[in-house]
Amino acid sequence: MGDGDDWLGDFTRGPAVFSLYRLGIRSGGHPLGPAEYRIDCNDGAGPRVICRYFDEPEAVPEWFGAWRNDEWCPWILERAKALVANPRNT
């Protein structure tokens, strides 16, 4: 893998399109640390980062803006973890 972010796939709910990326070195990922992921959302207002999380059992996802404590958060993480297990770009 290079040092750029790797797109793993998209999923939708209602009008929102969510994109999942594994972060590369340029975005703060570390080659010897746990994998770090970014979830972007485009709900018609343009794409923006809504969450970053590490692939560790006890890691707490960091949600941004109006997505903090949103009722969709558990569903979004479940879908993201399914994409990590089976990326669409391979």
C-alpha atoms as a PDB file:
ATOM      1  CA  MET A   1       0.000   0.000   0.000  1.00  0.00           C
ATOM      2  CA  GLY A   2       1.230   3.516  -0.766  1.00  0.00           C
ATOM      3  CA  ASP A   3       1.163   6.445   1.599  1.00  0.00           C
ATOM      4  CA  GLY A   4      -2.115   7.873   0.201  1.00  0.00           C
ATOM      5  CA  ASP A   5      -5.601   6.999   1.418  1.00  0.00           C
ATOM      6  CA  ASP A   6      -7.189   3.851   0.002  1.00  0.00           C
ATOM      7  CA  TRP A   7     -10.872   3.931  -0.940  1.00  0.00           C
ATOM      8  CA  LEU A   8     -12.588   0.768   0.288  1.00  0.00           C
ATOM      9  CA  GLY A   9     -16.110   1.404  -1.002  1.00  0.00           C
ATOM     10  CA  ASP A  10     -19.390   3.266  -0.582  1.00  0.00           C
ATOM     11  CA  PHE A  11     -22.776   2.554   0.978  1.00  0.00           C
ATOM     12  CA  THR A  12     -26.002   4.542   1.130  1.00  0.00           C
ATOM     13  CA  ARG A  13     -28.895   5.271   3.429  1.00  0.00           C
ATOM     14  CA  GLY A  14     -31.653   7.590   2.311  1.00  0.00           C
ATOM     15  CA  PRO A  15     -30.104  10.494   0.400  1.00  0.00           C
ATOM     16  CA  ALA A  16     -26.701  10.073   2.096  1.00  0.00           C
ATOM     17  CA  VAL A  17     -23.708   8.399   0.435  1.00  0.00           C
ATOM     18  CA  PHE A  18     -20.963   7.228   2.798  1.00  0.00           C
ATOM     19  CA  SER A  19     -17.403   6.530   1.590  1.00  0.00           C
ATOM     20  CA  LEU A  20     -14.813   4.578   3.578  1.00  0.00           C
ATOM     21  CA  TYR A  21     -11.045   5.134   3.323  1.00  0.00           C
ATOM     22  CA  ARG A  22      -8.076   3.508   5.026  1.00  0.00           C
ATOM     23  CA  LEU A  23      -5.704   6.339   5.925  1.00  0.00           C
ATOM     24  CA  GLY A  24      -2.210   6.418   4.524  1.00  0.00           C
ATOM     25  CA  ILE A  25       0.914   7.990   5.998  1.00  0.00           C
ATOM     26  CA  ARG A  26       0.198  11.436   4.525  1.00  0.00           C
ATOM     27  CA  SER A  27      -3.126  11.539   6.372  1.00  0.00           C
ATOM     28  CA  GLY A  28      -1.733  10.546   9.751  1.00  0.00           C
ATOM     29  CA  GLY A  29      -1.728   6.752   9.436  1.00  0.00           C
ATOM     30  CA  HIS A  30       1.324   4.970  10.818  1.00  0.00           C
ATOM     31  CA  PRO A  31       2.800   1.913   9.050  1.00  0.00           C
ATOM     32  CA  LEU A  32       3.436   0.084  12.345  1.00  0.00           C
ATOM     33  CA  GLY A  33       0.281   1.150  14.169  1.00  0.00           C
ATOM     34  CA  PRO A  34      -3.294  -0.109  13.935  1.00  0.00           C
ATOM     35  CA  ALA A  35      -5.186   0.686  10.747  1.00  0.00           C
ATOM     36  CA  GLU A  36      -7.030   4.005  10.819  1.00  0.00           C
ATOM     37  CA  TYR A  37     -10.167   4.669   8.797  1.00  0.00           C
ATOM     38  CA  ARG A  38     -12.098   7.759   7.670  1.00  0.00           C
ATOM     39  CA  ILE A  39     -15.775   7.879   6.788  1.00  0.00           C
ATOM     40  CA  ASP A  40     -16.974  10.687   4.525  1.00  0.00           C
ATOM     41  CA  CYS A  41     -20.617  11.576   3.913  1.00  0.00           C
ATOM     42  CA  ASN A  42     -22.261  13.408   1.035  1.00  0.00           C
ATOM     43  CA  ASP A  43     -25.904  14.139   1.805  1.00  0.00           C
ATOM     44  CA  GLY A  44     -26.303  16.758  -0.908  1.00  0.00           C
ATOM     45  CA  ALA A  45     -24.225  19.452   0.789  1.00  0.00           C
ATOM     46  CA  GLY A  46     -20.900  18.120  -0.534  1.00  0.00           C
ATOM     47  CA  PRO A  47     -18.621  15.428   0.903  1.00  0.00           C
ATOM     48  CA  ARG A  48     -17.182  15.901   4.386  1.00  0.00           C
ATOM     49  CA  VAL A  49     -15.456  13.798   7.031  1.00  0.00           C
ATOM     50  CA  ILE A  50     -17.906  12.546   9.639  1.00  0.00           C
ATOM     51  CA  CYS A  51     -15.852   9.932  11.517  1.00  0.00           C
ATOM     52  CA  ARG A  52     -12.336   8.577  12.067  1.00  0.00           C
ATOM     53  CA  TYR A  53     -11.623   5.352  13.903  1.00  0.00           C
ATOM     54  CA  PHE A  54      -8.862   2.812  14.563  1.00  0.00           C
ATOM     55  CA  ASP A  55      -9.146  -0.915  13.939  1.00  0.00           C
ATOM     56  CA  GLU A  56      -8.727  -1.863  17.596  1.00  0.00           C
ATOM     57  CA  PRO A  57     -11.240  -3.610  19.860  1.00  0.00           C
ATOM     58  CA  GLU A  58     -11.361  -0.860  22.498  1.00  0.00           C
ATOM     59  CA  ALA A  59     -10.924   2.166  20.245  1.00  0.00           C
ATOM     60  CA  VAL A  60     -13.662   4.803  20.423  1.00  0.00           C
ATOM     61  CA  PRO A  61     -14.679   6.326  17.069  1.00  0.00           C
ATOM     62  CA  GLU A  62     -14.355  10.107  16.750  1.00  0.00           C
ATOM     63  CA  TRP A  63     -17.516  11.602  15.236  1.00  0.00           C
ATOM     64  CA  PHE A  64     -17.615  15.140  13.891  1.00  0.00           C
ATOM     65  CA  GLY A  65     -20.256  17.878  13.856  1.00  0.00           C
ATOM     66  CA  ALA A  66     -23.905  16.903  13.839  1.00  0.00           C
ATOM     67  CA  TRP A  67     -22.940  13.224  13.591  1.00  0.00           C
ATOM     68  CA  ARG A  68     -21.914  13.082  17.260  1.00  0.00           C
ATOM     69  CA  ASN A  69     -24.447  10.790  18.975  1.00  0.00           C
ATOM     70  CA  ASP A  70     -26.570  10.497  15.813  1.00  0.00           C
ATOM     71  CA  GLU A  71     -28.882   7.472  15.765  1.00  0.00           C
ATOM     72  CA  TRP A  72     -27.281   6.280  12.491  1.00  0.00           C
ATOM     73  CA  CYS A  73     -23.754   6.021  14.009  1.00  0.00           C
ATOM     74  CA  PRO A  74     -23.938   2.312  15.018  1.00  0.00           C
ATOM     75  CA  TRP A  75     -25.343   1.403  11.576  1.00  0.00           C
ATOM     76  CA  ILE A  76     -22.637   3.433   9.792  1.00  0.00           C
ATOM     77  CA  LEU A  77     -19.850   1.718  11.778  1.00  0.00           C
ATOM     78  CA  GLU A  78     -21.354  -1.714  11.125  1.00  0.00           C
ATOM     79  CA  ARG A  79     -21.398  -1.047   7.374  1.00  0.00           C
ATOM     80  CA  ALA A  80     -17.858   0.397   7.454  1.00  0.00           C
ATOM     81  CA  LYS A  81     -16.499  -2.666   9.272  1.00  0.00           C
ATOM     82  CA  ALA A  82     -18.196  -4.909   6.698  1.00  0.00           C
ATOM     83  CA  LEU A  83     -16.367  -2.984   3.942  1.00  0.00           C
ATOM     84  CA  VAL A  84     -13.053  -3.392   5.782  1.00  0.00           C
ATOM     85  CA  ALA A  85     -13.665  -7.149   5.787  1.00  0.00           C
ATOM     86  CA  ASN A  86     -14.651  -7.147   2.076  1.00  0.00           C
ATOM     87  CA  PRO A  87     -13.427  -3.997   0.259  1.00  0.00           C
ATOM     88  CA  ARG A  88     -15.087  -3.168  -3.048  1.00  0.00           C
ATOM     89  CA  ASN A  89     -11.923  -1.802  -4.686  1.00  0.00           C
ATOM     90  CA  THR A  90     -10.046  -5.105  -4.848  1.00  0.00           C
END
